[in-house]
Each structure stands twice: as C-alpha cells, then as structure tokens.
Amino acid sequence: MSPTPGLDPAALGDDALRVVREMLAAQGVGEDELDEAQREGTLPLLAVERLILPTAPAHDLAAVIECTGLSAAEIGKIWRMLGYPLPRPGETAFTDTDVELLGMIGQFMAADPAASDVVLHMSRVVGSAMSRVASAQVDVISARATGSPRRGEVAGRPVTDEQIVASASALLPLVPRVLDAAWRRHLLTAIRRRLTIAESGQGQLGVVGFADLVGWTALSQQVGDETLALILDQFEQLAYDVVTARAGRVVKMIGDEVMFTVDAPVAGAEIALALSAGAREVDDLSEVRVGIAYGPLLERESDLYGPTVNLASRITGVAFPGTIVVNEALRKELADDQHYRLRSMRPRYLKDFGRMPLWVLRAASAGDGRAARRDG
C-alpha cells in the first residue's frame, strides 16, 4: 500500500474521497462495491476494514483446528490471552494470517510439551501491549479528526470521514516497522540488564521513584477534559524526556503520576531533581512531589514489585509539594557526593513499614563546596 499524500486530514481537502477509493481499488475492491459503499455512506468503514485486515476472515474454528492441530481449548486460551473473544461455532472470524500463525504456534507446542505456558504467557503480554498501542493510535486519529488544538490541527474546519481514513492510512505501513525496531532495541536492553544482574550474583538493585502532580483532583473539577488531556500530555512528555535522558526507564504512567526506575543512585537523584525543576518550568503543570527509594527490586513483565517499590510509593504520599524525599539506603549512597544536600526529616509512620527515617534531597547550590549533610 502506497502512503497517502500527507498526514493532515485538512490538507487532503476534496481529494480525500478519491484517495480512499484509489486505496481500496489497490486492495482489489471492485468499482461496483466502491460505488455501493459510497452511496450508503459506508466507504470509510470499508476502507478501515480492508486497510487493517487486507484479507477478510475466511475460516471458522473447526477449520483452524483441522489446519493447525491445536485443540479448541488451546485456541480458545490463546485467543483470550491475546484479548479477543472466542468466535461462535461456525463463525468465520480467522484470516489466513491467523491460521498461519496459529499453525506455527501449534508446531512449537508439539515440539515442546512444556511450551504451552510460555505461549499463553507471551500471548497475554503481547495482547495487552498491542491493545495499548492500538488505543493510542485511535486517540491520535480522533484528536486529529476533532481539530484538537493540542494536536496541531486547524480548529473549526470540518473534517470528513474520508479525510480521516486517508490520513490515518499513511501510518499503517510505518507502525509495524517502528514496533519491530523498538522491540529489538528493548529486547537487547532487557537481556543486557538480566545478564548483568546474573553476573553480579546480588539480585536486582536499583532506584525506584514516583512523581505526581500536586492538586490534580481539585484541578480536574475546575477545567475541561481537553485541558486535562493537554496537561497529562505535557507531564508524560516531561517524564519520558527526563528519565530516558539519564539512562532510566519509565515503568508506567498512572494518571497524574509517573513511576520510574534506574540502576545508579546518582542517576535516580538527578531524575528526581530534573522532574521537579522541569515541572516548575512548564506553565500548565503544578509542582510535583517525588518519593524515591534504593533497594532490591523484582521485575516482571517490565513492571516492578517488592518492598522497595511499596516504600517509594509510601514516601511519595508524605512528601510536601515541590520536595523530593528519599529513604535511608539512598541517603547512604549519596552521602559523600558534594552535589547534593540531604536534610533529615522527622521520622514518619508509613503503612506496613512503621516509623522510618526519611531525608529531603536538594541539589547543592552552585559554587557551594560544602558536603551533603550526613547527620540526623
């Protein structure tokens, strides 16, 4: 499929209908079917179906069982883990590509009886990840269609369904290539991290932190959804810019809060300071409060678990707006670094942890040669 002329729906103008028809004709749709769809107003829907699934579903569950050697129960489990509802008996819901992939999975499982758990586990992970990618794509397309100013369109100009489809279709050839390249790089990073942990023999140690926008609940009751979405976009962009620039990883965005991790304690401190300073520099963002902890971490499916994660979350809850609060273990790692000041707080009671010594982290002033404070 050749890309459409440009990504801006408004730029396509009156040519959008022609572009959509040409794309569908290239997919093998006949003139009669195109004319009928245009008369009935279903041309955009037809375009979406043909562009996303070039081959229409042609197989029911019984045919897939016969072709792949998988049982109905096995296909049902894989399909549900991917996030799809299991088709009804006799329903033609599987494409040729579906049958081919399920056949490969069947061969893999036949060669290794223990592979079933691996297949189901990866199906769930892939299904969840792809659902998020697809949802994000639709969000972008929807924002463009409504002329949302946060996406850079010309507001107030009506956009037709044909313009939306023609514009969105230009992304289709690009996204799979981006996914493949990004997956390979993230896989390499994950393998390197696991090998390093295995070689150290100490398990995974690192910094985990949370940063949340202060006053989000009150703000959400005062402004509209569009403004809230803009603020979240700005906060998410800040978080990814700051964290990845310092060799860290954004674990997840949780509404108005970001969870991040990094191996080195100093990098954790720099991320926290940069998030705090960066939020103050963006007019639409409120101050953030940050809680970070250093200690053992359990990683599973890119998420983090364990007492250190829970401690960092609890610390964030007692931090004042605009402050960064750290645990004792991180304080010890930073104590001899002249770039930071650490001020002891009154011990706080943290749920499930009891009374804990906590420290407020600040950057040392420029030209200030005094060591970071080490005493209580």
Protein backbone atom coordinates (compact mmCIF):
# COMPACT_ATOMS: atom_id res chain seq x y z
CA MET A 1 0.00 0.00 0.00
CA SER A 2 1.48 3.33 -1.00
CA PRO A 3 1.32 6.12 1.59
CA THR A 4 -1.29 8.81 1.21
CA PRO A 5 -0.33 12.43 0.41
CA GLY A 6 0.33 13.86 3.83
CA LEU A 7 -0.86 13.17 7.36
CA ASP A 8 -3.05 16.22 7.85
CA PRO A 9 -6.73 15.47 7.12
CA ALA A 10 -7.45 19.07 6.19
CA ALA A 11 -4.60 19.08 3.67
CA LEU A 12 -6.31 16.34 1.66
CA GLY A 13 -9.38 18.51 1.09
CA ASP A 14 -11.75 17.41 -1.66
CA ASP A 15 -9.26 14.80 -2.87
CA ALA A 16 -9.85 12.60 0.17
CA LEU A 17 -12.71 10.65 -1.41
CA ARG A 18 -10.63 9.95 -4.50
CA VAL A 19 -7.65 8.88 -2.38
CA VAL A 20 -9.79 6.44 -0.37
CA ARG A 21 -11.29 4.93 -3.50
CA GLU A 22 -7.83 4.53 -5.05
CA MET A 23 -6.52 2.82 -1.92
CA LEU A 24 -9.44 0.38 -1.87
CA ALA A 25 -9.11 -0.30 -5.60
CA ALA A 26 -5.45 -1.17 -4.99
CA GLN A 27 -6.67 -3.69 -2.41
CA GLY A 28 -8.81 -5.38 -5.05
CA VAL A 29 -12.19 -3.82 -4.27
CA GLY A 30 -14.31 -3.58 -7.43
CA GLU A 31 -15.92 -0.42 -8.78
CA ASP A 32 -19.44 -1.69 -8.11
CA GLU A 33 -18.64 -2.35 -4.45
CA LEU A 34 -16.99 1.06 -4.14
CA ASP A 35 -19.98 2.81 -5.69
CA GLU A 36 -22.41 0.99 -3.41
CA ALA A 37 -20.37 1.79 -0.30
CA GLN A 38 -20.16 5.44 -1.32
CA ARG A 39 -23.92 5.65 -1.86
CA GLU A 40 -24.61 4.03 1.52
CA GLY A 41 -22.05 6.19 3.31
CA THR A 42 -20.01 3.16 4.42
CA LEU A 43 -16.91 3.83 2.32
CA PRO A 44 -14.78 4.90 5.34
CA LEU A 45 -15.77 1.76 7.27
CA LEU A 46 -14.95 -0.42 4.27
CA ALA A 47 -11.59 1.32 3.97
CA VAL A 48 -10.77 0.74 7.63
CA GLU A 49 -11.63 -2.96 7.38
CA ARG A 50 -9.66 -3.56 4.17
CA LEU A 51 -6.63 -1.49 5.12
CA ILE A 52 -6.20 -3.01 8.55
CA LEU A 53 -7.12 -6.57 7.55
CA PRO A 54 -6.24 -6.84 3.84
CA THR A 55 -7.54 -10.43 3.78
CA ALA A 56 -11.04 -10.88 5.10
CA PRO A 57 -11.74 -13.59 7.71
CA ALA A 58 -12.47 -16.83 5.88
CA HIS A 59 -12.08 -19.64 8.44
CA ASP A 60 -14.16 -20.84 11.36
CA LEU A 61 -12.92 -22.56 14.50
CA ALA A 62 -13.36 -26.07 13.06
CA ALA A 63 -11.21 -25.20 10.04
CA VAL A 64 -8.49 -23.74 12.25
CA ILE A 65 -8.43 -26.88 14.39
CA GLU A 66 -8.01 -29.01 11.28
CA CYS A 67 -5.27 -26.81 9.80
CA THR A 68 -3.20 -26.23 12.93
CA GLY A 69 -3.54 -29.38 15.00
CA LEU A 70 -4.46 -27.27 18.03
CA SER A 71 -7.49 -28.20 20.09
CA ALA A 72 -10.47 -25.91 20.54
CA ALA A 73 -9.43 -25.40 24.16
CA GLU A 74 -5.88 -24.42 23.18
CA ILE A 75 -7.06 -21.99 20.50
CA GLY A 76 -9.59 -20.53 22.94
CA LYS A 77 -6.92 -19.91 25.59
CA ILE A 78 -4.52 -18.28 23.14
CA TRP A 79 -7.28 -16.15 21.64
CA ARG A 80 -8.47 -14.95 25.07
CA MET A 81 -4.92 -14.19 26.22
CA LEU A 82 -4.49 -12.04 23.11
CA GLY A 83 -7.60 -10.15 24.21
CA TYR A 84 -10.02 -11.46 21.57
CA PRO A 85 -13.44 -13.00 22.24
CA LEU A 86 -13.65 -16.61 21.09
CA PRO A 87 -15.74 -16.82 17.88
CA ARG A 88 -19.01 -18.71 17.95
CA PRO A 89 -19.16 -22.15 16.26
CA GLY A 90 -19.39 -21.69 12.50
CA GLU A 91 -18.40 -18.01 12.62
CA THR A 92 -15.74 -17.13 10.03
CA ALA A 93 -13.50 -14.99 12.21
CA PHE A 94 -9.97 -16.18 11.37
CA THR A 95 -7.90 -14.80 8.50
CA ASP A 96 -5.27 -16.71 6.52
CA THR A 97 -2.63 -14.93 8.59
CA ASP A 98 -4.31 -16.04 11.82
CA VAL A 99 -4.30 -19.65 10.64
CA GLU A 100 -0.65 -19.45 9.58
CA LEU A 101 0.47 -18.03 12.94
CA LEU A 102 -1.62 -20.49 14.96
CA GLY A 103 -0.13 -23.29 12.87
CA MET A 104 3.38 -22.16 13.77
CA ILE A 105 2.38 -21.97 17.43
CA GLY A 106 0.94 -25.50 17.17
CA GLN A 107 4.23 -26.81 15.80
CA PHE A 108 6.15 -25.08 18.58
CA MET A 109 3.91 -26.58 21.25
CA ALA A 110 4.05 -30.05 19.66
CA ALA A 111 7.86 -29.99 19.72
CA ASP A 112 7.94 -28.99 23.39
CA PRO A 113 5.02 -30.05 25.59
CA ALA A 114 6.15 -27.58 28.27
CA ALA A 115 5.84 -24.66 25.83
CA SER A 116 2.13 -24.17 26.46
CA ASP A 117 2.70 -21.97 29.50
CA VAL A 118 5.24 -19.88 27.57
CA VAL A 119 2.80 -19.40 24.67
CA LEU A 120 -0.05 -18.33 26.95
CA HIS A 121 2.19 -16.00 28.94
CA MET A 122 3.56 -14.26 25.86
CA SER A 123 0.11 -14.11 24.26
CA ARG A 124 -1.17 -12.20 27.27
CA VAL A 125 1.80 -9.80 27.25
CA VAL A 126 1.60 -9.19 23.50
CA GLY A 127 -2.16 -8.78 23.57
CA SER A 128 -2.01 -6.23 26.37
CA ALA A 129 0.82 -4.26 24.74
CA MET A 130 -0.79 -4.20 21.29
CA SER A 131 -4.13 -3.14 22.77
CA ARG A 132 -2.42 -0.11 24.28
CA VAL A 133 -0.64 0.72 21.01
CA ALA A 134 -3.89 0.47 19.05
CA SER A 135 -5.76 2.59 21.59
CA ALA A 136 -3.06 5.26 21.42
CA GLN A 137 -3.27 5.31 17.61
CA VAL A 138 -7.03 5.77 17.75
CA ASP A 139 -6.61 8.57 20.30
CA VAL A 140 -4.27 10.39 17.93
CA ILE A 141 -6.58 9.89 14.96
CA SER A 142 -9.61 11.01 16.97
CA ALA A 143 -7.81 14.12 18.16
CA ARG A 144 -6.90 15.00 14.59
CA ALA A 145 -10.47 14.42 13.45
CA THR A 146 -11.96 16.78 16.02
CA GLY A 147 -9.45 19.52 15.21
CA SER A 148 -7.99 19.39 18.72
CA PRO A 149 -5.54 22.30 19.13
CA ARG A 150 -3.20 20.12 21.20
CA ARG A 151 -2.52 18.00 18.11
CA GLY A 152 -1.72 20.94 15.82
CA GLU A 153 -4.75 20.97 13.51
CA VAL A 154 -6.64 23.95 12.23
CA ALA A 155 -9.54 24.14 14.66
CA GLY A 156 -13.02 24.89 13.42
CA ARG A 157 -12.51 23.33 9.99
CA PRO A 158 -14.86 20.37 9.39
CA VAL A 159 -13.10 17.10 8.64
CA THR A 160 -14.79 14.32 6.67
CA ASP A 161 -14.58 10.61 7.43
CA GLU A 162 -12.76 10.09 4.14
CA GLN A 163 -10.12 12.63 5.17
CA ILE A 164 -9.61 10.86 8.48
CA VAL A 165 -9.22 7.46 6.85
CA ALA A 166 -6.89 8.72 4.13
CA SER A 167 -4.71 10.47 6.69
CA ALA A 168 -4.63 7.59 9.15
CA SER A 169 -3.78 5.05 6.47
CA ALA A 170 -0.40 6.68 5.95
CA LEU A 171 0.59 5.48 9.41
CA LEU A 172 -0.23 1.83 8.74
CA PRO A 173 2.94 0.86 6.83
CA LEU A 174 5.10 2.78 9.31
CA VAL A 175 3.83 1.42 12.64
CA PRO A 176 4.83 -2.27 12.16
CA ARG A 177 8.37 -1.24 11.23
CA VAL A 178 8.60 1.04 14.26
CA LEU A 179 7.25 -1.74 16.50
CA ASP A 180 9.80 -4.21 15.16
CA ALA A 181 12.74 -1.83 15.58
CA ALA A 182 11.64 -0.72 19.05
CA TRP A 183 11.06 -4.31 20.18
CA ARG A 184 14.56 -5.35 19.10
CA ARG A 185 16.20 -2.49 20.96
CA HIS A 186 14.16 -3.02 24.11
CA LEU A 187 14.87 -6.77 23.95
CA LEU A 188 18.61 -6.09 23.73
CA THR A 189 18.42 -3.74 26.72
CA ALA A 190 16.40 -6.23 28.77
CA ILE A 191 18.81 -9.09 28.04
CA ARG A 192 21.82 -6.98 28.92
CA ARG A 193 20.17 -5.96 32.20
CA ARG A 194 19.34 -9.56 33.13
CA LEU A 195 22.86 -10.76 32.26
CA THR A 196 24.38 -8.01 34.39
CA ILE A 197 22.16 -8.97 37.32
CA ALA A 198 23.05 -12.65 36.93
CA GLU A 199 26.79 -11.90 36.79
CA SER A 200 26.66 -9.76 39.93
CA GLY A 201 25.06 -12.55 41.95
CA GLN A 202 23.33 -9.95 44.14
CA GLY A 203 19.91 -9.81 42.55
CA GLN A 204 18.48 -6.65 41.07
CA LEU A 205 19.29 -3.49 43.00
CA GLY A 206 18.15 -0.11 41.85
CA VAL A 207 16.27 3.10 42.43
CA VAL A 208 12.53 3.28 42.00
CA GLY A 209 10.59 6.52 42.26
CA PHE A 210 7.18 8.08 41.93
CA ALA A 211 6.42 11.67 40.96
CA ASP A 212 2.89 13.02 40.98
CA LEU A 213 1.28 16.31 40.15
CA VAL A 214 0.07 18.19 43.22
CA GLY A 215 -3.58 19.24 43.29
CA TRP A 216 -4.70 17.06 40.41
CA THR A 217 -8.04 16.10 41.94
CA ALA A 218 -9.02 19.72 42.55
CA LEU A 219 -7.82 20.75 39.10
CA SER A 220 -9.83 18.00 37.39
CA GLN A 221 -13.01 19.53 38.84
CA GLN A 222 -12.20 23.02 37.55
CA VAL A 223 -11.15 22.52 33.93
CA GLY A 224 -12.46 20.56 30.96
CA ASP A 225 -11.33 17.22 29.60
CA GLU A 226 -9.36 18.81 26.77
CA THR A 227 -7.27 20.86 29.20
CA LEU A 228 -6.71 17.85 31.44
CA ALA A 229 -5.55 15.82 28.45
CA LEU A 230 -3.15 18.60 27.47
CA ILE A 231 -1.68 18.71 30.98
CA LEU A 232 -1.23 14.94 31.07
CA ASP A 233 0.45 15.05 27.65
CA GLN A 234 2.90 17.68 28.89
CA PHE A 235 3.63 15.75 32.07
CA GLU A 236 4.15 12.49 30.19
CA GLN A 237 6.49 14.17 27.70
CA LEU A 238 8.48 15.72 30.56
CA ALA A 239 8.73 12.37 32.34
CA TYR A 240 9.99 10.47 29.29
CA ASP A 241 12.44 13.22 28.33
CA VAL A 242 13.91 13.44 31.82
CA VAL A 243 14.02 9.75 32.70
CA THR A 244 15.36 8.34 29.44
CA ALA A 245 17.98 11.10 29.11
CA ARG A 246 19.53 9.78 32.35
CA ALA A 247 19.55 6.10 31.38
CA GLY A 248 16.38 5.40 33.35
CA ARG A 249 13.13 3.78 32.34
CA VAL A 250 9.56 4.96 32.71
CA VAL A 251 7.86 1.92 34.20
CA LYS A 252 4.37 3.32 33.70
CA MET A 253 2.20 6.39 33.81
CA ILE A 254 -0.56 6.14 36.41
CA GLY A 255 -2.82 9.06 35.57
CA ASP A 256 -1.16 12.09 37.12
CA GLU A 257 1.77 10.05 38.44
CA VAL A 258 4.87 8.57 36.82
CA MET A 259 6.75 5.54 38.12
CA PHE A 260 10.38 5.34 37.04
CA THR A 261 13.47 3.27 37.74
CA VAL A 262 17.21 3.45 37.15
CA ASP A 263 20.16 1.38 38.32
CA ALA A 264 22.51 4.05 39.65
CA PRO A 265 21.61 6.00 42.83
CA VAL A 266 23.11 9.23 41.46
CA ALA A 267 21.04 8.90 38.30
CA GLY A 268 17.94 8.43 40.47
CA ALA A 269 18.69 11.65 42.30
CA GLU A 270 19.27 13.52 39.04
CA ILE A 271 15.97 12.27 37.61
CA ALA A 272 14.07 13.39 40.70
CA LEU A 273 15.67 16.84 40.67
CA ALA A 274 15.08 17.27 36.93
CA LEU A 275 11.43 16.24 37.21
CA SER A 276 10.88 18.72 39.99
CA ALA A 277 12.64 21.55 38.17
CA GLY A 278 11.06 20.68 34.82
CA ALA A 279 7.53 20.80 36.21
CA ARG A 280 8.15 24.29 37.57
CA GLU A 281 9.24 25.47 34.13
CA VAL A 282 6.02 24.38 32.38
CA ASP A 283 3.23 26.91 32.89
CA ASP A 284 0.38 24.39 32.81
CA LEU A 285 1.95 21.96 35.27
CA SER A 286 1.64 22.19 39.03
CA GLU A 287 4.51 21.30 41.33
CA VAL A 288 5.37 17.65 41.72
CA ARG A 289 6.29 15.71 44.80
CA VAL A 290 8.76 12.88 44.44
CA GLY A 291 9.47 9.84 46.57
CA ILE A 292 12.41 7.58 45.73
CA ALA A 293 13.94 4.53 47.36
CA TYR A 294 17.00 2.38 46.73
CA GLY A 295 16.99 -1.35 47.31
CA PRO A 296 16.21 -4.78 45.86
CA LEU A 297 13.66 -4.90 43.06
CA LEU A 298 11.62 -7.68 41.48
CA GLU A 299 10.95 -7.16 37.78
CA ARG A 300 8.19 -8.98 35.93
CA GLU A 301 6.81 -8.08 32.50
CA SER A 302 8.52 -4.69 32.67
CA ASP A 303 6.77 -3.78 35.94
CA LEU A 304 8.46 -3.66 39.33
CA TYR A 305 7.37 -5.21 42.61
CA GLY A 306 8.59 -5.70 46.15
CA PRO A 307 9.13 -3.77 49.39
CA THR A 308 11.34 -1.12 47.80
CA VAL A 309 8.56 -0.21 45.34
CA ASN A 310 5.98 -0.08 48.13
CA LEU A 311 8.30 2.06 50.24
CA ALA A 312 8.85 4.57 47.42
CA SER A 313 5.09 4.85 46.96
CA ARG A 314 4.52 5.43 50.68
CA ILE A 315 7.31 8.04 50.76
CA THR A 316 5.68 9.96 47.92
CA GLY A 317 2.50 10.16 49.94
CA VAL A 318 4.21 12.05 52.78
CA ALA A 319 6.33 14.36 50.60
CA PHE A 320 5.34 18.02 50.53
CA PRO A 321 4.65 19.76 47.20
CA GLY A 322 7.87 20.56 45.39
CA THR A 323 10.03 18.30 47.56
CA ILE A 324 11.98 15.11 46.98
CA VAL A 325 12.07 12.59 49.82
CA VAL A 326 14.40 9.56 49.87
CA ASN A 327 14.90 6.50 52.05
CA GLU A 328 17.89 5.81 54.29
CA ALA A 329 19.51 3.41 51.81
CA LEU A 330 19.59 6.04 49.07
CA ARG A 331 20.79 8.67 51.55
CA LYS A 332 23.83 6.49 52.31
CA GLU A 333 24.60 6.10 48.61
CA LEU A 334 24.55 9.89 48.11
CA ALA A 335 26.10 10.96 51.41
CA ASP A 336 29.61 11.55 50.06
CA ASP A 337 28.53 13.29 46.88
CA GLN A 338 29.19 17.03 47.02
CA HIS A 339 26.42 17.76 44.51
CA TYR A 340 23.56 17.04 46.92
CA ARG A 341 22.23 18.18 50.24
CA LEU A 342 20.26 15.78 52.40
CA ARG A 343 18.22 17.12 55.29
CA SER A 344 16.82 14.77 57.88
CA MET A 345 13.06 14.80 58.33
CA ARG A 346 11.22 13.87 61.46
CA PRO A 347 10.62 10.11 61.17
CA ARG A 348 7.24 9.40 59.60
CA TYR A 349 4.94 6.48 60.12
CA LEU A 350 4.48 4.65 56.84
CA LYS A 351 1.82 1.99 56.44
CA ASP A 352 3.31 -1.54 56.51
CA PHE A 353 6.74 -0.13 57.38
CA GLY A 354 6.31 1.64 60.72
CA ARG A 355 8.33 4.74 61.65
CA MET A 356 11.00 5.32 59.04
CA PRO A 357 13.93 7.76 58.84
CA LEU A 358 13.47 9.92 55.74
CA TRP A 359 15.55 12.59 54.04
CA VAL A 360 14.76 15.60 51.87
CA LEU A 361 17.01 15.77 48.81
CA ARG A 362 18.14 19.05 47.27
CA ALA A 363 20.84 19.99 44.80
CA ALA A 364 23.81 21.80 46.30
CA SER A 365 23.89 25.48 45.32
CA ALA A 366 26.21 26.46 42.50
CA GLY A 367 29.62 27.22 43.95
CA ASP A 368 28.72 25.69 47.31
CA GLY A 369 31.55 23.37 48.24
CA ARG A 370 30.06 22.04 51.43
CA ALA A 371 29.43 18.33 51.57
CA ALA A 372 25.94 16.95 51.58
CA ARG A 373 24.66 16.78 55.10
CA ARG A 374 25.18 13.37 56.65
CA ASP A 375 24.00 13.74 60.21
CA GLY A 376 20.49 13.41 61.57
